[in-house]
Amino acid sequence: MRNLYKEWEPQIKEYCEANGLSFEKAKKMIRNCNFVDRWLGLGYINPNREKKGLLEDIPAPPVLIVREDENGVLQFEQTEYTDIYLR
């Protein structure tokens, strides 16, 4: 299976560095992706919380969204959580 994060990792690192964001933090976040619409979302999960597996119902806030446009160019979207978790 394709891994959009691995495929886009160099561009994500470049974007983080150019925008004062921590790539080290970004690469540790959970990843949600959609291969059809070509987007990847990075989300934050507190590493100190109790692990409940599938019983966990606390959503991971979206921190950074990466989309590939029709020309194959990556578009980055910061959210209200970007500064909180990537600075």
PDB file of N, CA and C in Angstrom:
ATOM      1  N   MET A   1       0.845  -1.181   0.000  1.00  0.00           N
ATOM      2  CA  MET A   1       0.000   0.000   0.000  1.00  0.00           C
ATOM      3  C   MET A   1       0.889   1.242   0.000  1.00  0.00           C
ATOM      4  N   ARG A   2       0.480   2.235  -0.747  1.00  0.00           N
ATOM      5  CA  ARG A   2       1.235   3.486  -0.804  1.00  0.00           C
ATOM      6  C   ARG A   2       1.156   4.227   0.521  1.00  0.00           C
ATOM      7  N   ASN A   3       2.203   4.931   0.817  1.00  0.00           N
ATOM      8  CA  ASN A   3       2.269   5.710   2.043  1.00  0.00           C
ATOM      9  C   ASN A   3       2.450   7.175   1.650  1.00  0.00           C
ATOM     10  N   LEU A   4       1.364   7.946   1.712  1.00  0.00           N
ATOM     11  CA  LEU A   4       1.434   9.346   1.306  1.00  0.00           C
ATOM     12  C   LEU A   4       2.419  10.128   2.159  1.00  0.00           C
ATOM     13  N   TYR A   5       2.504   9.807   3.445  1.00  0.00           N
ATOM     14  CA  TYR A   5       3.440  10.541   4.291  1.00  0.00           C
ATOM     15  C   TYR A   5       4.875  10.329   3.802  1.00  0.00           C
ATOM     16  N   LYS A   6       5.252   9.095   3.579  1.00  0.00           N
ATOM     17  CA  LYS A   6       6.619   8.813   3.109  1.00  0.00           C
ATOM     18  C   LYS A   6       6.868   9.460   1.746  1.00  0.00           C
ATOM     19  N   GLU A   7       5.858   9.425   0.906  1.00  0.00           N
ATOM     20  CA  GLU A   7       5.967  10.010  -0.428  1.00  0.00           C
ATOM     21  C   GLU A   7       6.156  11.532  -0.357  1.00  0.00           C
ATOM     22  N   TRP A   8       5.483  12.174   0.586  1.00  0.00           N
ATOM     23  CA  TRP A   8       5.497  13.628   0.691  1.00  0.00           C
ATOM     24  C   TRP A   8       6.416  14.152   1.791  1.00  0.00           C
ATOM     25  N   GLU A   9       7.090  13.279   2.493  1.00  0.00           N
ATOM     26  CA  GLU A   9       7.904  13.682   3.642  1.00  0.00           C
ATOM     27  C   GLU A   9       8.903  14.810   3.333  1.00  0.00           C
ATOM     28  N   PRO A  10       9.646  14.763   2.224  1.00  0.00           N
ATOM     29  CA  PRO A  10      10.589  15.861   1.960  1.00  0.00           C
ATOM     30  C   PRO A  10       9.902  17.230   1.827  1.00  0.00           C
ATOM     31  N   GLN A  11       8.743  17.261   1.175  1.00  0.00           N
ATOM     32  CA  GLN A  11       8.017  18.524   1.029  1.00  0.00           C
ATOM     33  C   GLN A  11       7.425  18.994   2.355  1.00  0.00           C
ATOM     34  N   ILE A  12       6.969  18.049   3.184  1.00  0.00           N
ATOM     35  CA  ILE A  12       6.430  18.404   4.501  1.00  0.00           C
ATOM     36  C   ILE A  12       7.545  19.001   5.354  1.00  0.00           C
ATOM     37  N   LYS A  13       8.720  18.384   5.321  1.00  0.00           N
ATOM     38  CA  LYS A  13       9.869  18.905   6.078  1.00  0.00           C
ATOM     39  C   LYS A  13      10.224  20.310   5.596  1.00  0.00           C
ATOM     40  N   GLU A  14      10.273  20.498   4.297  1.00  0.00           N
ATOM     41  CA  GLU A  14      10.593  21.808   3.723  1.00  0.00           C
ATOM     42  C   GLU A  14       9.569  22.854   4.147  1.00  0.00           C
ATOM     43  N   TYR A  15       8.282  22.487   4.109  1.00  0.00           N
ATOM     44  CA  TYR A  15       7.223  23.415   4.512  1.00  0.00           C
ATOM     45  C   TYR A  15       7.373  23.786   5.992  1.00  0.00           C
ATOM     46  N   CYS A  16       7.594  22.797   6.829  1.00  0.00           N
ATOM     47  CA  CYS A  16       7.739  23.065   8.266  1.00  0.00           C
ATOM     48  C   CYS A  16       8.909  24.007   8.519  1.00  0.00           C
ATOM     49  N   GLU A  17      10.036  23.722   7.916  1.00  0.00           N
ATOM     50  CA  GLU A  17      11.219  24.564   8.123  1.00  0.00           C
ATOM     51  C   GLU A  17      10.991  25.983   7.616  1.00  0.00           C
ATOM     52  N   ALA A  18      10.337  26.140   6.484  1.00  0.00           N
ATOM     53  CA  ALA A  18      10.095  27.462   5.905  1.00  0.00           C
ATOM     54  C   ALA A  18       9.083  28.279   6.702  1.00  0.00           C
ATOM     55  N   ASN A  19       8.250  27.592   7.497  1.00  0.00           N
ATOM     56  CA  ASN A  19       7.183  28.273   8.238  1.00  0.00           C
ATOM     57  C   ASN A  19       7.373  28.244   9.745  1.00  0.00           C
ATOM     58  N   GLY A  20       8.571  27.894  10.191  1.00  0.00           N
ATOM     59  CA  GLY A  20       8.863  27.902  11.623  1.00  0.00           C
ATOM     60  C   GLY A  20       8.131  26.847  12.416  1.00  0.00           C
ATOM     61  N   LEU A  21       7.805  25.724  11.768  1.00  0.00           N
ATOM     62  CA  LEU A  21       7.109  24.625  12.434  1.00  0.00           C
ATOM     63  C   LEU A  21       8.096  23.501  12.726  1.00  0.00           C
ATOM     64  N   SER A  22       7.833  22.725  13.743  1.00  0.00           N
ATOM     65  CA  SER A  22       8.720  21.626  14.119  1.00  0.00           C
ATOM     66  C   SER A  22       8.419  20.379  13.297  1.00  0.00           C
ATOM     67  N   PHE A  23       9.327  20.043  12.412  1.00  0.00           N
ATOM     68  CA  PHE A  23       9.174  18.806  11.648  1.00  0.00           C
ATOM     69  C   PHE A  23       9.340  17.603  12.559  1.00  0.00           C
ATOM     70  N   GLU A  24      10.178  17.717  13.578  1.00  0.00           N
ATOM     71  CA  GLU A  24      10.372  16.609  14.529  1.00  0.00           C
ATOM     72  C   GLU A  24       9.052  16.260  15.217  1.00  0.00           C
ATOM     73  N   LYS A  25       8.269  17.256  15.575  1.00  0.00           N
ATOM     74  CA  LYS A  25       6.957  17.014  16.181  1.00  0.00           C
ATOM     75  C   LYS A  25       5.983  16.474  15.133  1.00  0.00           C
ATOM     76  N   ALA A  26       6.028  17.048  13.933  1.00  0.00           N
ATOM     77  CA  ALA A  26       5.095  16.644  12.873  1.00  0.00           C
ATOM     78  C   ALA A  26       5.261  15.177  12.509  1.00  0.00           C
ATOM     79  N   LYS A  27       6.483  14.710  12.442  1.00  0.00           N
ATOM     80  CA  LYS A  27       6.683  13.324  12.000  1.00  0.00           C
ATOM     81  C   LYS A  27       6.268  12.296  13.052  1.00  0.00           C
ATOM     82  N   LYS A  28       5.986  12.743  14.278  1.00  0.00           N
ATOM     83  CA  LYS A  28       5.524  11.836  15.343  1.00  0.00           C
ATOM     84  C   LYS A  28       4.002  11.797  15.461  1.00  0.00           C
ATOM     85  N   MET A  29       3.313  12.629  14.695  1.00  0.00           N
ATOM     86  CA  MET A  29       1.855  12.711  14.803  1.00  0.00           C
ATOM     87  C   MET A  29       1.174  11.561  14.070  1.00  0.00           C
ATOM     88  N   ILE A  30      -0.078  11.326  14.454  1.00  0.00           N
ATOM     89  CA  ILE A  30      -0.847  10.314  13.740  1.00  0.00           C
ATOM     90  C   ILE A  30      -1.165  10.845  12.353  1.00  0.00           C
ATOM     91  N   ARG A  31      -1.418   9.931  11.433  1.00  0.00           N
ATOM     92  CA  ARG A  31      -1.659  10.313  10.039  1.00  0.00           C
ATOM     93  C   ARG A  31      -2.943   9.698   9.538  1.00  0.00           C
ATOM     94  N   ASN A  32      -3.752  10.519   8.931  1.00  0.00           N
ATOM     95  CA  ASN A  32      -4.965  10.067   8.248  1.00  0.00           C
ATOM     96  C   ASN A  32      -4.801  10.451   6.795  1.00  0.00           C
ATOM     97  N   CYS A  33      -5.176   9.556   5.902  1.00  0.00           N
ATOM     98  CA  CYS A  33      -5.019   9.905   4.499  1.00  0.00           C
ATOM     99  C   CYS A  33      -6.168   9.369   3.663  1.00  0.00           C
ATOM    100  N   ASN A  34      -6.293   9.963   2.494  1.00  0.00           N
ATOM    101  CA  ASN A  34      -7.291   9.547   1.525  1.00  0.00           C
ATOM    102  C   ASN A  34      -6.577   9.465   0.180  1.00  0.00           C
ATOM    103  N   PHE A  35      -6.439   8.270  -0.332  1.00  0.00           N
ATOM    104  CA  PHE A  35      -5.703   8.065  -1.575  1.00  0.00           C
ATOM    105  C   PHE A  35      -6.481   8.549  -2.795  1.00  0.00           C
ATOM    106  N   VAL A  36      -7.789   8.518  -2.730  1.00  0.00           N
ATOM    107  CA  VAL A  36      -8.610   8.936  -3.868  1.00  0.00           C
ATOM    108  C   VAL A  36      -8.530  10.449  -4.058  1.00  0.00           C
ATOM    109  N   ASP A  37      -8.772  11.193  -2.978  1.00  0.00           N
ATOM    110  CA  ASP A  37      -8.754  12.651  -3.053  1.00  0.00           C
ATOM    111  C   ASP A  37      -7.361  13.237  -2.820  1.00  0.00           C
ATOM    112  N   ARG A  38      -6.389  12.372  -2.503  1.00  0.00           N
ATOM    113  CA  ARG A  38      -4.987  12.752  -2.336  1.00  0.00           C
ATOM    114  C   ARG A  38      -4.790  13.824  -1.270  1.00  0.00           C
ATOM    115  N   TRP A  39      -5.139  13.483  -0.031  1.00  0.00           N
ATOM    116  CA  TRP A  39      -4.853  14.374   1.077  1.00  0.00           C
ATOM    117  C   TRP A  39      -4.331  13.574   2.260  1.00  0.00           C
ATOM    118  N   LEU A  40      -3.612  14.266   3.119  1.00  0.00           N
ATOM    119  CA  LEU A  40      -3.015  13.678   4.310  1.00  0.00           C
ATOM    120  C   LEU A  40      -3.230  14.645   5.458  1.00  0.00           C
ATOM    121  N   GLY A  41      -3.697  14.151   6.580  1.00  0.00           N
ATOM    122  CA  GLY A  41      -3.876  14.982   7.761  1.00  0.00           C
ATOM    123  C   GLY A  41      -2.978  14.495   8.882  1.00  0.00           C
ATOM    124  N   LEU A  42      -2.307  15.409   9.543  1.00  0.00           N
ATOM    125  CA  LEU A  42      -1.505  15.079  10.716  1.00  0.00           C
ATOM    126  C   LEU A  42      -2.285  15.534  11.940  1.00  0.00           C
ATOM    127  N   GLY A  43      -2.405  14.659  12.926  1.00  0.00           N
ATOM    128  CA  GLY A  43      -3.177  14.976  14.119  1.00  0.00           C
ATOM    129  C   GLY A  43      -2.402  14.702  15.387  1.00  0.00           C
ATOM    130  N   TYR A  44      -2.781  15.376  16.456  1.00  0.00           N
ATOM    131  CA  TYR A  44      -2.099  15.250  17.743  1.00  0.00           C
ATOM    132  C   TYR A  44      -2.862  14.329  18.678  1.00  0.00           C
ATOM    133  N   ILE A  45      -2.125  13.421  19.290  1.00  0.00           N
ATOM    134  CA  ILE A  45      -2.666  12.591  20.368  1.00  0.00           C
ATOM    135  C   ILE A  45      -1.696  12.699  21.535  1.00  0.00           C
ATOM    136  N   ASN A  46      -2.222  12.998  22.709  1.00  0.00           N
ATOM    137  CA  ASN A  46      -1.396  13.134  23.901  1.00  0.00           C
ATOM    138  C   ASN A  46      -0.731  11.792  24.217  1.00  0.00           C
ATOM    139  N   PRO A  47       0.595  11.737  24.207  1.00  0.00           N
ATOM    140  CA  PRO A  47       1.283  10.463  24.460  1.00  0.00           C
ATOM    141  C   PRO A  47       1.171   9.992  25.901  1.00  0.00           C
ATOM    142  N   ASN A  48       0.723  10.863  26.803  1.00  0.00           N
ATOM    143  CA  ASN A  48       0.623  10.509  28.217  1.00  0.00           C
ATOM    144  C   ASN A  48      -0.759  10.019  28.637  1.00  0.00           C
ATOM    145  N   ARG A  49      -1.709  10.021  27.714  1.00  0.00           N
ATOM    146  CA  ARG A  49      -3.055   9.596  28.093  1.00  0.00           C
ATOM    147  C   ARG A  49      -3.116   8.066  28.215  1.00  0.00           C
ATOM    148  N   GLU A  50      -4.121   7.624  28.921  1.00  0.00           N
ATOM    149  CA  GLU A  50      -4.321   6.184  29.086  1.00  0.00           C
ATOM    150  C   GLU A  50      -4.716   5.572  27.745  1.00  0.00           C
ATOM    151  N   LYS A  51      -4.093   4.474  27.389  1.00  0.00           N
ATOM    152  CA  LYS A  51      -4.370   3.817  26.113  1.00  0.00           C
ATOM    153  C   LYS A  51      -5.595   2.911  26.252  1.00  0.00           C
ATOM    154  N   LYS A  52      -6.612   3.153  25.413  1.00  0.00           N
ATOM    155  CA  LYS A  52      -7.826   2.355  25.461  1.00  0.00           C
ATOM    156  C   LYS A  52      -8.122   1.704  24.113  1.00  0.00           C
ATOM    157  N   GLY A  53      -7.226   1.877  23.155  1.00  0.00           N
ATOM    158  CA  GLY A  53      -7.423   1.265  21.847  1.00  0.00           C
ATOM    159  C   GLY A  53      -8.687   1.748  21.181  1.00  0.00           C
ATOM    160  N   LEU A  54      -9.507   0.830  20.695  1.00  0.00           N
ATOM    161  CA  LEU A  54     -10.721   1.193  19.981  1.00  0.00           C
ATOM    162  C   LEU A  54     -11.780   1.827  20.881  1.00  0.00           C
ATOM    163  N   LEU A  55     -11.610   1.717  22.195  1.00  0.00           N
ATOM    164  CA  LEU A  55     -12.565   2.337  23.113  1.00  0.00           C
ATOM    165  C   LEU A  55     -12.320   3.833  23.259  1.00  0.00           C
ATOM    166  N   GLU A  56     -11.179   4.284  22.786  1.00  0.00           N
ATOM    167  CA  GLU A  56     -10.845   5.709  22.872  1.00  0.00           C
ATOM    168  C   GLU A  56     -11.774   6.501  21.962  1.00  0.00           C
ATOM    169  N   ASP A  57     -12.457   7.482  22.515  1.00  0.00           N
ATOM    170  CA  ASP A  57     -13.371   8.257  21.697  1.00  0.00           C
ATOM    171  C   ASP A  57     -12.994   9.739  21.647  1.00  0.00           C
ATOM    172  N   ILE A  58     -11.769  10.058  22.021  1.00  0.00           N
ATOM    173  CA  ILE A  58     -11.306  11.437  21.954  1.00  0.00           C
ATOM    174  C   ILE A  58     -10.691  11.653  20.571  1.00  0.00           C
ATOM    175  N   PRO A  59     -11.255  12.551  19.775  1.00  0.00           N
ATOM    176  CA  PRO A  59     -10.702  12.773  18.438  1.00  0.00           C
ATOM    177  C   PRO A  59      -9.343  13.468  18.502  1.00  0.00           C
ATOM    178  N   ALA A  60      -8.512  13.189  17.538  1.00  0.00           N
ATOM    179  CA  ALA A  60      -7.214  13.847  17.434  1.00  0.00           C
ATOM    180  C   ALA A  60      -7.405  15.150  16.668  1.00  0.00           C
ATOM    181  N   PRO A  61      -7.051  16.287  17.267  1.00  0.00           N
ATOM    182  CA  PRO A  61      -7.219  17.546  16.553  1.00  0.00           C
ATOM    183  C   PRO A  61      -6.374  17.579  15.279  1.00  0.00           C
ATOM    184  N   PRO A  62      -6.937  18.036  14.179  1.00  0.00           N
ATOM    185  CA  PRO A  62      -6.150  18.151  12.949  1.00  0.00           C
ATOM    186  C   PRO A  62      -5.165  19.308  13.078  1.00  0.00           C
ATOM    187  N   VAL A  63      -3.890  19.027  12.872  1.00  0.00           N
ATOM    188  CA  VAL A  63      -2.851  20.022  13.072  1.00  0.00           C
ATOM    189  C   VAL A  63      -2.342  20.596  11.750  1.00  0.00           C
ATOM    190  N   LEU A  64      -2.193  19.741  10.751  1.00  0.00           N
ATOM    191  CA  LEU A  64      -1.716  20.183   9.443  1.00  0.00           C
ATOM    192  C   LEU A  64      -2.351  19.298   8.377  1.00  0.00           C
ATOM    193  N   ILE A  65      -2.883  19.918   7.347  1.00  0.00           N
ATOM    194  CA  ILE A  65      -3.518  19.170   6.262  1.00  0.00           C
ATOM    195  C   ILE A  65      -2.728  19.433   4.983  1.00  0.00           C
ATOM    196  N   VAL A  66      -2.428  18.347   4.270  1.00  0.00           N
ATOM    197  CA  VAL A  66      -1.673  18.448   3.023  1.00  0.00           C
ATOM    198  C   VAL A  66      -2.526  17.853   1.916  1.00  0.00           C
ATOM    199  N   ARG A  67      -2.700  18.618   0.855  1.00  0.00           N
ATOM    200  CA  ARG A  67      -3.495  18.147  -0.285  1.00  0.00           C
ATOM    201  C   ARG A  67      -2.659  18.259  -1.554  1.00  0.00           C
ATOM    202  N   GLU A  68      -2.890  17.335  -2.457  1.00  0.00           N
ATOM    203  CA  GLU A  68      -2.242  17.413  -3.762  1.00  0.00           C
ATOM    204  C   GLU A  68      -3.269  17.933  -4.761  1.00  0.00           C
ATOM    205  N   ASP A  69      -2.940  19.022  -5.455  1.00  0.00           N
ATOM    206  CA  ASP A  69      -3.896  19.573  -6.414  1.00  0.00           C
ATOM    207  C   ASP A  69      -3.841  18.811  -7.736  1.00  0.00           C
ATOM    208  N   GLU A  70      -4.669  19.216  -8.673  1.00  0.00           N
ATOM    209  CA  GLU A  70      -4.777  18.496  -9.951  1.00  0.00           C
ATOM    210  C   GLU A  70      -3.490  18.540 -10.773  1.00  0.00           C
ATOM    211  N   ASN A  71      -2.568  19.456 -10.421  1.00  0.00           N
ATOM    212  CA  ASN A  71      -1.284  19.547 -11.120  1.00  0.00           C
ATOM    213  C   ASN A  71      -0.163  18.820 -10.382  1.00  0.00           C
ATOM    214  N   GLY A  72      -0.523  18.133  -9.295  1.00  0.00           N
ATOM    215  CA  GLY A  72       0.471  17.394  -8.530  1.00  0.00           C
ATOM    216  C   GLY A  72       1.254  18.241  -7.536  1.00  0.00           C
ATOM    217  N   VAL A  73       0.806  19.484  -7.321  1.00  0.00           N
ATOM    218  CA  VAL A  73       1.478  20.388  -6.392  1.00  0.00           C
ATOM    219  C   VAL A  73       0.830  20.254  -5.012  1.00  0.00           C
ATOM    220  N   LEU A  74       1.659  20.138  -3.969  1.00  0.00           N
ATOM    221  CA  LEU A  74       1.130  20.017  -2.612  1.00  0.00           C
ATOM    222  C   LEU A  74       0.701  21.378  -2.080  1.00  0.00           C
ATOM    223  N   GLN A  75      -0.466  21.394  -1.466  1.00  0.00           N
ATOM    224  CA  GLN A  75      -1.025  22.585  -0.820  1.00  0.00           C
ATOM    225  C   GLN A  75      -1.108  22.285   0.675  1.00  0.00           C
ATOM    226  N   PHE A  76      -0.617  23.180   1.500  1.00  0.00           N
ATOM    227  CA  PHE A  76      -0.606  22.984   2.952  1.00  0.00           C
ATOM    228  C   PHE A  76      -1.631  23.895   3.598  1.00  0.00           C
ATOM    229  N   GLU A  77      -2.352  23.344   4.559  1.00  0.00           N
ATOM    230  CA  GLU A  77      -3.371  24.108   5.284  1.00  0.00           C
ATOM    231  C   GLU A  77      -3.107  23.987   6.779  1.00  0.00           C
ATOM    232  N   GLN A  78      -2.825  25.115   7.407  1.00  0.00           N
ATOM    233  CA  GLN A  78      -2.667  25.124   8.851  1.00  0.00           C
ATOM    234  C   GLN A  78      -4.050  25.236   9.480  1.00  0.00           C
ATOM    235  N   THR A  79      -4.177  24.715  10.690  1.00  0.00           N
ATOM    236  CA  THR A  79      -5.450  24.772  11.408  1.00  0.00           C
ATOM    237  C   THR A  79      -5.267  25.569  12.693  1.00  0.00           C
ATOM    238  N   GLU A  80      -6.325  25.681  13.448  1.00  0.00           N
ATOM    239  CA  GLU A  80      -6.242  26.391  14.726  1.00  0.00           C
ATOM    240  C   GLU A  80      -5.306  25.692  15.712  1.00  0.00           C
ATOM    241  N   TYR A  81      -4.929  24.440  15.425  1.00  0.00           N
ATOM    242  CA  TYR A  81      -4.050  23.677  16.313  1.00  0.00           C
ATOM    243  C   TYR A  81      -2.591  23.685  15.876  1.00  0.00           C
ATOM    244  N   THR A  82      -2.302  24.233  14.718  1.00  0.00           N
ATOM    245  CA  THR A  82      -0.928  24.202  14.197  1.00  0.00           C
ATOM    246  C   THR A  82       0.049  24.872  15.136  1.00  0.00           C
ATOM    247  N   ASP A  83      -0.239  26.099  15.544  1.00  0.00           N
ATOM    248  CA  ASP A  83       0.673  26.811  16.443  1.00  0.00           C
ATOM    249  C   ASP A  83       0.803  26.113  17.791  1.00  0.00           C
ATOM    250  N   ILE A  84      -0.265  25.552  18.273  1.00  0.00           N
ATOM    251  CA  ILE A  84      -0.259  24.901  19.588  1.00  0.00           C
ATOM    252  C   ILE A  84       0.682  23.696  19.589  1.00  0.00           C
ATOM    253  N   TYR A  85       0.625  22.872  18.541  1.00  0.00           N
ATOM    254  CA  TYR A  85       1.342  21.600  18.570  1.00  0.00           C
ATOM    255  C   TYR A  85       2.594  21.525  17.693  1.00  0.00           C
ATOM    256  N   LEU A  86       2.812  22.494  16.812  1.00  0.00           N
ATOM    257  CA  LEU A  86       3.999  22.418  15.958  1.00  0.00           C
ATOM    258  C   LEU A  86       4.991  23.572  16.146  1.00  0.00           C
ATOM    259  N   ARG A  87       4.774  24.434  17.095  1.00  0.00           N
ATOM    260  CA  ARG A  87       5.753  25.516  17.343  1.00  0.00           C
ATOM    261  C   ARG A  87       6.618  25.151  18.523  1.00  0.00           C
TER     262      ARG A  87
END
